[in-house]
Amino acid sequence: MGVSELIIFLIYFVLMLFYLISFYSIIVKTEYVLLMIALAFFCVSIICDLFHFWILYEDGAKMVGIVYFLFYFSLTGASSINSYTQEQESEN
């Protein structure tokens, strides 16, 4: 029997909303457009799954979303490391 797919998607939505609200003050200081693009592609993937579109559309959108997540978190991490090292250098 198992858990309904709709319940799982609802859990995804609630967790993502919680994440965005919890880290809003940090997210707005970053290149958040990349994060929004990633989330948009994940939404497309979920819509494709719900309406049983061609699997290539669903998996393609998911892959593009993952790539944008990679871009976002790589840039955000590099920026944070750069800011931290500049602070350390200015203290010395």
PDB file of N, CA and C in Angstrom:
ATOM      1  N   MET A   1       0.834  -1.172   0.000  1.00  0.00           N
ATOM      2  CA  MET A   1       0.000   0.000   0.000  1.00  0.00           C
ATOM      3  C   MET A   1       0.886   1.246   0.000  1.00  0.00           C
ATOM      4  N   GLY A   2       1.581   1.585   1.033  1.00  0.00           N
ATOM      5  CA  GLY A   2       2.538   2.679   1.009  1.00  0.00           C
ATOM      6  C   GLY A   2       1.937   4.055   1.239  1.00  0.00           C
ATOM      7  N   VAL A   3       2.797   5.025   1.210  1.00  0.00           N
ATOM      8  CA  VAL A   3       2.410   6.415   1.443  1.00  0.00           C
ATOM      9  C   VAL A   3       2.054   7.051   0.104  1.00  0.00           C
ATOM     10  N   SER A   4       1.023   7.862   0.099  1.00  0.00           N
ATOM     11  CA  SER A   4       0.590   8.549  -1.115  1.00  0.00           C
ATOM     12  C   SER A   4       1.685   9.496  -1.610  1.00  0.00           C
ATOM     13  N   GLU A   5       1.823   9.533  -2.937  1.00  0.00           N
ATOM     14  CA  GLU A   5       2.807  10.423  -3.553  1.00  0.00           C
ATOM     15  C   GLU A   5       2.497  11.881  -3.217  1.00  0.00           C
ATOM     16  N   LEU A   6       1.239  12.215  -3.135  1.00  0.00           N
ATOM     17  CA  LEU A   6       0.826  13.579  -2.811  1.00  0.00           C
ATOM     18  C   LEU A   6       1.291  13.980  -1.409  1.00  0.00           C
ATOM     19  N   ILE A   7       1.259  13.043  -0.475  1.00  0.00           N
ATOM     20  CA  ILE A   7       1.736  13.310   0.890  1.00  0.00           C
ATOM     21  C   ILE A   7       3.236  13.613   0.865  1.00  0.00           C
ATOM     22  N   ILE A   8       3.990  12.839   0.095  1.00  0.00           N
ATOM     23  CA  ILE A   8       5.433  13.057  -0.015  1.00  0.00           C
ATOM     24  C   ILE A   8       5.708  14.440  -0.603  1.00  0.00           C
ATOM     25  N   PHE A   9       4.997  14.832  -1.651  1.00  0.00           N
ATOM     26  CA  PHE A   9       5.185  16.157  -2.249  1.00  0.00           C
ATOM     27  C   PHE A   9       4.819  17.260  -1.266  1.00  0.00           C
ATOM     28  N   LEU A  10       3.812  17.049  -0.472  1.00  0.00           N
ATOM     29  CA  LEU A  10       3.433  18.018   0.550  1.00  0.00           C
ATOM     30  C   LEU A  10       4.534  18.156   1.599  1.00  0.00           C
ATOM     31  N   ILE A  11       5.131  17.042   1.983  1.00  0.00           N
ATOM     32  CA  ILE A  11       6.250  17.072   2.938  1.00  0.00           C
ATOM     33  C   ILE A  11       7.428  17.825   2.335  1.00  0.00           C
ATOM     34  N   TYR A  12       7.735  17.576   1.049  1.00  0.00           N
ATOM     35  CA  TYR A  12       8.795  18.334   0.368  1.00  0.00           C
ATOM     36  C   TYR A  12       8.519  19.834   0.449  1.00  0.00           C
ATOM     37  N   PHE A  13       7.293  20.223   0.140  1.00  0.00           N
ATOM     38  CA  PHE A  13       6.910  21.634   0.139  1.00  0.00           C
ATOM     39  C   PHE A  13       7.071  22.254   1.516  1.00  0.00           C
ATOM     40  N   VAL A  14       6.587  21.565   2.551  1.00  0.00           N
ATOM     41  CA  VAL A  14       6.661  22.094   3.911  1.00  0.00           C
ATOM     42  C   VAL A  14       8.120  22.230   4.358  1.00  0.00           C
ATOM     43  N   LEU A  15       8.935  21.228   4.071  1.00  0.00           N
ATOM     44  CA  LEU A  15      10.351  21.293   4.461  1.00  0.00           C
ATOM     45  C   LEU A  15      11.085  22.417   3.722  1.00  0.00           C
ATOM     46  N   MET A  16      10.803  22.580   2.434  1.00  0.00           N
ATOM     47  CA  MET A  16      11.455  23.644   1.673  1.00  0.00           C
ATOM     48  C   MET A  16      11.004  25.014   2.171  1.00  0.00           C
ATOM     49  N   LEU A  17       9.735  25.154   2.483  1.00  0.00           N
ATOM     50  CA  LEU A  17       9.224  26.408   3.035  1.00  0.00           C
ATOM     51  C   LEU A  17       9.883  26.709   4.375  1.00  0.00           C
ATOM     52  N   PHE A  18      10.009  25.706   5.222  1.00  0.00           N
ATOM     53  CA  PHE A  18      10.673  25.868   6.511  1.00  0.00           C
ATOM     54  C   PHE A  18      12.132  26.308   6.323  1.00  0.00           C
ATOM     55  N   TYR A  19      12.822  25.682   5.381  1.00  0.00           N
ATOM     56  CA  TYR A  19      14.216  26.037   5.084  1.00  0.00           C
ATOM     57  C   TYR A  19      14.313  27.492   4.616  1.00  0.00           C
ATOM     58  N   LEU A  20      13.469  27.875   3.691  1.00  0.00           N
ATOM     59  CA  LEU A  20      13.520  29.237   3.146  1.00  0.00           C
ATOM     60  C   LEU A  20      13.200  30.281   4.209  1.00  0.00           C
ATOM     61  N   ILE A  21      12.248  29.992   5.073  1.00  0.00           N
ATOM     62  CA  ILE A  21      11.907  30.936   6.142  1.00  0.00           C
ATOM     63  C   ILE A  21      13.015  30.996   7.180  1.00  0.00           C
ATOM     64  N   SER A  22      13.560  29.844   7.537  1.00  0.00           N
ATOM     65  CA  SER A  22      14.602  29.791   8.572  1.00  0.00           C
ATOM     66  C   SER A  22      15.867  30.532   8.160  1.00  0.00           C
ATOM     67  N   PHE A  23      16.229  30.420   6.888  1.00  0.00           N
ATOM     68  CA  PHE A  23      17.486  31.004   6.429  1.00  0.00           C
ATOM     69  C   PHE A  23      17.285  32.218   5.524  1.00  0.00           C
ATOM     70  N   TYR A  24      16.130  32.844   5.622  1.00  0.00           N
ATOM     71  CA  TYR A  24      15.805  33.979   4.758  1.00  0.00           C
ATOM     72  C   TYR A  24      16.853  35.085   4.850  1.00  0.00           C
ATOM     73  N   SER A  25      17.267  35.423   6.064  1.00  0.00           N
ATOM     74  CA  SER A  25      18.214  36.533   6.233  1.00  0.00           C
ATOM     75  C   SER A  25      19.565  36.228   5.593  1.00  0.00           C
ATOM     76  N   ILE A  26      19.921  34.973   5.509  1.00  0.00           N
ATOM     77  CA  ILE A  26      21.177  34.587   4.851  1.00  0.00           C
ATOM     78  C   ILE A  26      20.974  34.502   3.342  1.00  0.00           C
ATOM     79  N   ILE A  27      19.859  33.922   2.935  1.00  0.00           N
ATOM     80  CA  ILE A  27      19.599  33.710   1.511  1.00  0.00           C
ATOM     81  C   ILE A  27      19.556  35.033   0.747  1.00  0.00           C
ATOM     82  N   VAL A  28      18.962  36.070   1.315  1.00  0.00           N
ATOM     83  CA  VAL A  28      18.846  37.341   0.590  1.00  0.00           C
ATOM     84  C   VAL A  28      20.195  38.022   0.382  1.00  0.00           C
ATOM     85  N   LYS A  29      21.212  37.608   1.112  1.00  0.00           N
ATOM     86  CA  LYS A  29      22.555  38.168   0.942  1.00  0.00           C
ATOM     87  C   LYS A  29      23.366  37.407  -0.096  1.00  0.00           C
ATOM     88  N   THR A  30      22.784  36.379  -0.694  1.00  0.00           N
ATOM     89  CA  THR A  30      23.495  35.543  -1.658  1.00  0.00           C
ATOM     90  C   THR A  30      22.915  35.740  -3.055  1.00  0.00           C
ATOM     91  N   GLU A  31      23.422  34.955  -3.993  1.00  0.00           N
ATOM     92  CA  GLU A  31      22.882  34.949  -5.359  1.00  0.00           C
ATOM     93  C   GLU A  31      21.620  34.087  -5.383  1.00  0.00           C
ATOM     94  N   TYR A  32      20.582  34.563  -4.720  1.00  0.00           N
ATOM     95  CA  TYR A  32      19.378  33.753  -4.516  1.00  0.00           C
ATOM     96  C   TYR A  32      18.611  33.454  -5.798  1.00  0.00           C
ATOM     97  N   VAL A  33      18.903  34.169  -6.861  1.00  0.00           N
ATOM     98  CA  VAL A  33      18.227  33.892  -8.131  1.00  0.00           C
ATOM     99  C   VAL A  33      18.536  32.466  -8.591  1.00  0.00           C
ATOM    100  N   LEU A  34      19.775  32.032  -8.373  1.00  0.00           N
ATOM    101  CA  LEU A  34      20.139  30.658  -8.738  1.00  0.00           C
ATOM    102  C   LEU A  34      19.339  29.645  -7.931  1.00  0.00           C
ATOM    103  N   LEU A  35      19.117  29.938  -6.664  1.00  0.00           N
ATOM    104  CA  LEU A  35      18.321  29.057  -5.815  1.00  0.00           C
ATOM    105  C   LEU A  35      16.876  29.018  -6.299  1.00  0.00           C
ATOM    106  N   MET A  36      16.333  30.170  -6.678  1.00  0.00           N
ATOM    107  CA  MET A  36      14.957  30.216  -7.172  1.00  0.00           C
ATOM    108  C   MET A  36      14.819  29.450  -8.494  1.00  0.00           C
ATOM    109  N   ILE A  37      15.825  29.548  -9.356  1.00  0.00           N
ATOM    110  CA  ILE A  37      15.792  28.793 -10.615  1.00  0.00           C
ATOM    111  C   ILE A  37      15.810  27.297 -10.319  1.00  0.00           C
ATOM    112  N   ALA A  38      16.667  26.876  -9.381  1.00  0.00           N
ATOM    113  CA  ALA A  38      16.725  25.461  -9.004  1.00  0.00           C
ATOM    114  C   ALA A  38      15.375  24.989  -8.485  1.00  0.00           C
ATOM    115  N   LEU A  39      14.775  25.771  -7.608  1.00  0.00           N
ATOM    116  CA  LEU A  39      13.466  25.397  -7.061  1.00  0.00           C
ATOM    117  C   LEU A  39      12.396  25.356  -8.152  1.00  0.00           C
ATOM    118  N   ALA A  40      12.471  26.269  -9.099  1.00  0.00           N
ATOM    119  CA  ALA A  40      11.504  26.275 -10.201  1.00  0.00           C
ATOM    120  C   ALA A  40      11.621  24.995 -11.024  1.00  0.00           C
ATOM    121  N   PHE A  41      12.850  24.558 -11.294  1.00  0.00           N
ATOM    122  CA  PHE A  41      13.020  23.322 -12.053  1.00  0.00           C
ATOM    123  C   PHE A  41      12.549  22.104 -11.265  1.00  0.00           C
ATOM    124  N   PHE A  42      12.722  22.126  -9.949  1.00  0.00           N
ATOM    125  CA  PHE A  42      12.203  21.029  -9.149  1.00  0.00           C
ATOM    126  C   PHE A  42      10.676  21.023  -9.163  1.00  0.00           C
ATOM    127  N   CYS A  43      10.073  22.199  -9.170  1.00  0.00           N
ATOM    128  CA  CYS A  43       8.612  22.276  -9.282  1.00  0.00           C
ATOM    129  C   CYS A  43       8.144  21.714 -10.628  1.00  0.00           C
ATOM    130  N   VAL A  44       8.859  22.046 -11.687  1.00  0.00           N
ATOM    131  CA  VAL A  44       8.523  21.496 -13.009  1.00  0.00           C
ATOM    132  C   VAL A  44       8.622  19.974 -12.980  1.00  0.00           C
ATOM    133  N   SER A  45       9.651  19.464 -12.336  1.00  0.00           N
ATOM    134  CA  SER A  45       9.822  18.014 -12.228  1.00  0.00           C
ATOM    135  C   SER A  45       8.644  17.369 -11.493  1.00  0.00           C
ATOM    136  N   ILE A  46       8.223  17.994 -10.410  1.00  0.00           N
ATOM    137  CA  ILE A  46       7.095  17.451  -9.643  1.00  0.00           C
ATOM    138  C   ILE A  46       5.803  17.516 -10.458  1.00  0.00           C
ATOM    139  N   ILE A  47       5.596  18.611 -11.172  1.00  0.00           N
ATOM    140  CA  ILE A  47       4.400  18.733 -12.015  1.00  0.00           C
ATOM    141  C   ILE A  47       4.409  17.675 -13.114  1.00  0.00           C
ATOM    142  N   CYS A  48       5.576  17.464 -13.723  1.00  0.00           N
ATOM    143  CA  CYS A  48       5.688  16.423 -14.751  1.00  0.00           C
ATOM    144  C   CYS A  48       5.367  15.052 -14.170  1.00  0.00           C
ATOM    145  N   ASP A  49       5.797  14.819 -12.933  1.00  0.00           N
ATOM    146  CA  ASP A  49       5.524  13.544 -12.285  1.00  0.00           C
ATOM    147  C   ASP A  49       4.035  13.386 -11.975  1.00  0.00           C
ATOM    148  N   LEU A  50       3.412  14.442 -11.504  1.00  0.00           N
ATOM    149  CA  LEU A  50       1.988  14.369 -11.164  1.00  0.00           C
ATOM    150  C   LEU A  50       1.105  14.123 -12.384  1.00  0.00           C
ATOM    151  N   PHE A  51       1.457  14.747 -13.511  1.00  0.00           N
ATOM    152  CA  PHE A  51       0.641  14.631 -14.706  1.00  0.00           C
ATOM    153  C   PHE A  51       1.178  13.602 -15.700  1.00  0.00           C
ATOM    154  N   HIS A  52       2.159  12.825 -15.264  1.00  0.00           N
ATOM    155  CA  HIS A  52       2.712  11.716 -16.050  1.00  0.00           C
ATOM    156  C   HIS A  52       3.192  12.144 -17.427  1.00  0.00           C
ATOM    157  N   PHE A  53       3.930  13.267 -17.476  1.00  0.00           N
ATOM    158  CA  PHE A  53       4.570  13.665 -18.719  1.00  0.00           C
ATOM    159  C   PHE A  53       5.705  12.699 -19.020  1.00  0.00           C
ATOM    160  N   TRP A  54       6.258  12.860 -20.180  1.00  0.00           N
ATOM    161  CA  TRP A  54       7.363  12.019 -20.613  1.00  0.00           C
ATOM    162  C   TRP A  54       8.470  12.053 -19.561  1.00  0.00           C
ATOM    163  N   ILE A  55       9.022  10.909 -19.222  1.00  0.00           N
ATOM    164  CA  ILE A  55      10.009  10.779 -18.143  1.00  0.00           C
ATOM    165  C   ILE A  55      11.242  11.655 -18.381  1.00  0.00           C
ATOM    166  N   LEU A  56      11.575  11.891 -19.651  1.00  0.00           N
ATOM    167  CA  LEU A  56      12.735  12.730 -19.959  1.00  0.00           C
ATOM    168  C   LEU A  56      12.534  14.156 -19.453  1.00  0.00           C
ATOM    169  N   TYR A  57      11.296  14.666 -19.547  1.00  0.00           N
ATOM    170  CA  TYR A  57      11.010  16.010 -19.039  1.00  0.00           C
ATOM    171  C   TYR A  57      11.176  16.065 -17.525  1.00  0.00           C
ATOM    172  N   GLU A  58      10.641  15.067 -16.866  1.00  0.00           N
ATOM    173  CA  GLU A  58      10.724  15.033 -15.404  1.00  0.00           C
ATOM    174  C   GLU A  58      12.176  14.931 -14.936  1.00  0.00           C
ATOM    175  N   ASP A  59      12.898  13.960 -15.473  1.00  0.00           N
ATOM    176  CA  ASP A  59      14.287  13.772 -15.047  1.00  0.00           C
ATOM    177  C   ASP A  59      15.199  14.895 -15.532  1.00  0.00           C
ATOM    178  N   GLY A  60      14.895  15.444 -16.706  1.00  0.00           N
ATOM    179  CA  GLY A  60      15.689  16.566 -17.218  1.00  0.00           C
ATOM    180  C   GLY A  60      15.547  17.791 -16.334  1.00  0.00           C
ATOM    181  N   ALA A  61      14.321  18.091 -15.935  1.00  0.00           N
ATOM    182  CA  ALA A  61      14.085  19.238 -15.049  1.00  0.00           C
ATOM    183  C   ALA A  61      14.758  19.019 -13.700  1.00  0.00           C
ATOM    184  N   LYS A  62      14.688  17.797 -13.210  1.00  0.00           N
ATOM    185  CA  LYS A  62      15.332  17.476 -11.928  1.00  0.00           C
ATOM    186  C   LYS A  62      16.849  17.659 -12.034  1.00  0.00           C
ATOM    187  N   MET A  63      17.433  17.215 -13.141  1.00  0.00           N
ATOM    188  CA  MET A  63      18.880  17.343 -13.330  1.00  0.00           C
ATOM    189  C   MET A  63      19.301  18.811 -13.422  1.00  0.00           C
ATOM    190  N   VAL A  64      18.545  19.600 -14.152  1.00  0.00           N
ATOM    191  CA  VAL A  64      18.859  21.035 -14.250  1.00  0.00           C
ATOM    192  C   VAL A  64      18.736  21.686 -12.875  1.00  0.00           C
ATOM    193  N   GLY A  65      17.731  21.301 -12.098  1.00  0.00           N
ATOM    194  CA  GLY A  65      17.580  21.815 -10.738  1.00  0.00           C
ATOM    195  C   GLY A  65      18.778  21.465  -9.869  1.00  0.00           C
ATOM    196  N   ILE A  66      19.264  20.239  -9.988  1.00  0.00           N
ATOM    197  CA  ILE A  66      20.444  19.824  -9.221  1.00  0.00           C
ATOM    198  C   ILE A  66      21.662  20.639  -9.618  1.00  0.00           C
ATOM    199  N   VAL A  67      21.825  20.887 -10.913  1.00  0.00           N
ATOM    200  CA  VAL A  67      22.970  21.680 -11.388  1.00  0.00           C
ATOM    201  C   VAL A  67      22.890  23.106 -10.842  1.00  0.00           C
ATOM    202  N   TYR A  68      21.706  23.691 -10.850  1.00  0.00           N
ATOM    203  CA  TYR A  68      21.576  25.043 -10.294  1.00  0.00           C
ATOM    204  C   TYR A  68      21.794  25.059  -8.784  1.00  0.00           C
ATOM    205  N   PHE A  69      21.363  23.998  -8.084  1.00  0.00           N
ATOM    206  CA  PHE A  69      21.691  23.888  -6.663  1.00  0.00           C
ATOM    207  C   PHE A  69      23.211  23.853  -6.480  1.00  0.00           C
ATOM    208  N   LEU A  70      23.892  23.091  -7.315  1.00  0.00           N
ATOM    209  CA  LEU A  70      25.354  23.030  -7.250  1.00  0.00           C
ATOM    210  C   LEU A  70      25.965  24.407  -7.460  1.00  0.00           C
ATOM    211  N   PHE A  71      25.502  25.132  -8.480  1.00  0.00           N
ATOM    212  CA  PHE A  71      25.989  26.490  -8.723  1.00  0.00           C
ATOM    213  C   PHE A  71      25.753  27.379  -7.505  1.00  0.00           C
ATOM    214  N   TYR A  72      24.533  27.347  -6.992  1.00  0.00           N
ATOM    215  CA  TYR A  72      24.171  28.216  -5.874  1.00  0.00           C
ATOM    216  C   TYR A  72      25.028  27.929  -4.643  1.00  0.00           C
ATOM    217  N   PHE A  73      25.085  26.667  -4.238  1.00  0.00           N
ATOM    218  CA  PHE A  73      25.820  26.348  -3.017  1.00  0.00           C
ATOM    219  C   PHE A  73      27.324  26.487  -3.197  1.00  0.00           C
ATOM    220  N   SER A  74      27.845  26.253  -4.396  1.00  0.00           N
ATOM    221  CA  SER A  74      29.276  26.460  -4.649  1.00  0.00           C
ATOM    222  C   SER A  74      29.631  27.941  -4.556  1.00  0.00           C
ATOM    223  N   LEU A  75      28.837  28.790  -5.200  1.00  0.00           N
ATOM    224  CA  LEU A  75      29.100  30.229  -5.147  1.00  0.00           C
ATOM    225  C   LEU A  75      28.928  30.779  -3.731  1.00  0.00           C
ATOM    226  N   THR A  76      27.895  30.323  -3.040  1.00  0.00           N
ATOM    227  CA  THR A  76      27.642  30.791  -1.682  1.00  0.00           C
ATOM    228  C   THR A  76      28.764  30.344  -0.744  1.00  0.00           C
ATOM    229  N   GLY A  77      29.190  29.100  -0.873  1.00  0.00           N
ATOM    230  CA  GLY A  77      30.282  28.600  -0.047  1.00  0.00           C
ATOM    231  C   GLY A  77      31.587  29.321  -0.326  1.00  0.00           C
ATOM    232  N   ALA A  78      31.899  29.509  -1.603  1.00  0.00           N
ATOM    233  CA  ALA A  78      33.132  30.222  -1.966  1.00  0.00           C
ATOM    234  C   ALA A  78      33.103  31.659  -1.465  1.00  0.00           C
ATOM    235  N   SER A  79      31.952  32.301  -1.577  1.00  0.00           N
ATOM    236  CA  SER A  79      31.815  33.669  -1.094  1.00  0.00           C
ATOM    237  C   SER A  79      31.995  33.741   0.426  1.00  0.00           C
ATOM    238  N   SER A  80      31.431  32.785   1.140  1.00  0.00           N
ATOM    239  CA  SER A  80      31.570  32.751   2.599  1.00  0.00           C
ATOM    240  C   SER A  80      33.015  32.534   3.016  1.00  0.00           C
ATOM    241  N   ILE A  81      33.689  31.622   2.333  1.00  0.00           N
ATOM    242  CA  ILE A  81      35.102  31.359   2.638  1.00  0.00           C
ATOM    243  C   ILE A  81      35.938  32.591   2.338  1.00  0.00           C
ATOM    244  N   ASN A  82      35.655  33.239   1.215  1.00  0.00           N
ATOM    245  CA  ASN A  82      36.391  34.445   0.842  1.00  0.00           C
ATOM    246  C   ASN A  82      36.187  35.558   1.876  1.00  0.00           C
ATOM    247  N   SER A  83      34.957  35.747   2.326  1.00  0.00           N
ATOM    248  CA  SER A  83      34.676  36.772   3.340  1.00  0.00           C
ATOM    249  C   SER A  83      35.395  36.460   4.641  1.00  0.00           C
ATOM    250  N   TYR A  84      35.382  35.197   5.035  1.00  0.00           N
ATOM    251  CA  TYR A  84      36.037  34.793   6.278  1.00  0.00           C
ATOM    252  C   TYR A  84      37.546  35.014   6.197  1.00  0.00           C
ATOM    253  N   THR A  85      38.166  34.636   5.088  1.00  0.00           N
ATOM    254  CA  THR A  85      39.616  34.811   4.976  1.00  0.00           C
ATOM    255  C   THR A  85      39.988  36.291   4.930  1.00  0.00           C
ATOM    256  N   GLN A  86      39.157  37.115   4.302  1.00  0.00           N
ATOM    257  CA  GLN A  86      39.436  38.557   4.294  1.00  0.00           C
ATOM    258  C   GLN A  86      39.326  39.137   5.698  1.00  0.00           C
ATOM    259  N   GLU A  87      38.356  38.660   6.489  1.00  0.00           N
ATOM    260  CA  GLU A  87      38.254  39.108   7.881  1.00  0.00           C
ATOM    261  C   GLU A  87      39.485  38.718   8.681  1.00  0.00           C
ATOM    262  N   GLN A  88      39.953  37.502   8.478  1.00  0.00           N
ATOM    263  CA  GLN A  88      41.120  37.032   9.209  1.00  0.00           C
ATOM    264  C   GLN A  88      42.374  37.809   8.832  1.00  0.00           C
ATOM    265  N   GLU A  89      42.508  38.130   7.554  1.00  0.00           N
ATOM    266  CA  GLU A  89      43.665  38.900   7.094  1.00  0.00           C
ATOM    267  C   GLU A  89      43.628  40.331   7.622  1.00  0.00           C
ATOM    268  N   SER A  90      42.449  40.918   7.718  1.00  0.00           N
ATOM    269  CA  SER A  90      42.352  42.286   8.198  1.00  0.00           C
ATOM    270  C   SER A  90      42.624  42.379   9.718  1.00  0.00           C
ATOM    271  N   GLU A  91      42.364  41.282  10.440  1.00  0.00           N
ATOM    272  CA  GLU A  91      42.645  41.263  11.870  1.00  0.00           C
ATOM    273  C   GLU A  91      44.134  41.159  12.148  1.00  0.00           C
ATOM    274  N   ASN A  92      44.864  40.559  11.236  1.00  0.00           N
ATOM    275  CA  ASN A  92      46.322  40.380  11.449  1.00  0.00           C
ATOM    276  C   ASN A  92      47.105  41.544  11.015  1.00  0.00           C
TER     277      ASN A  92
END
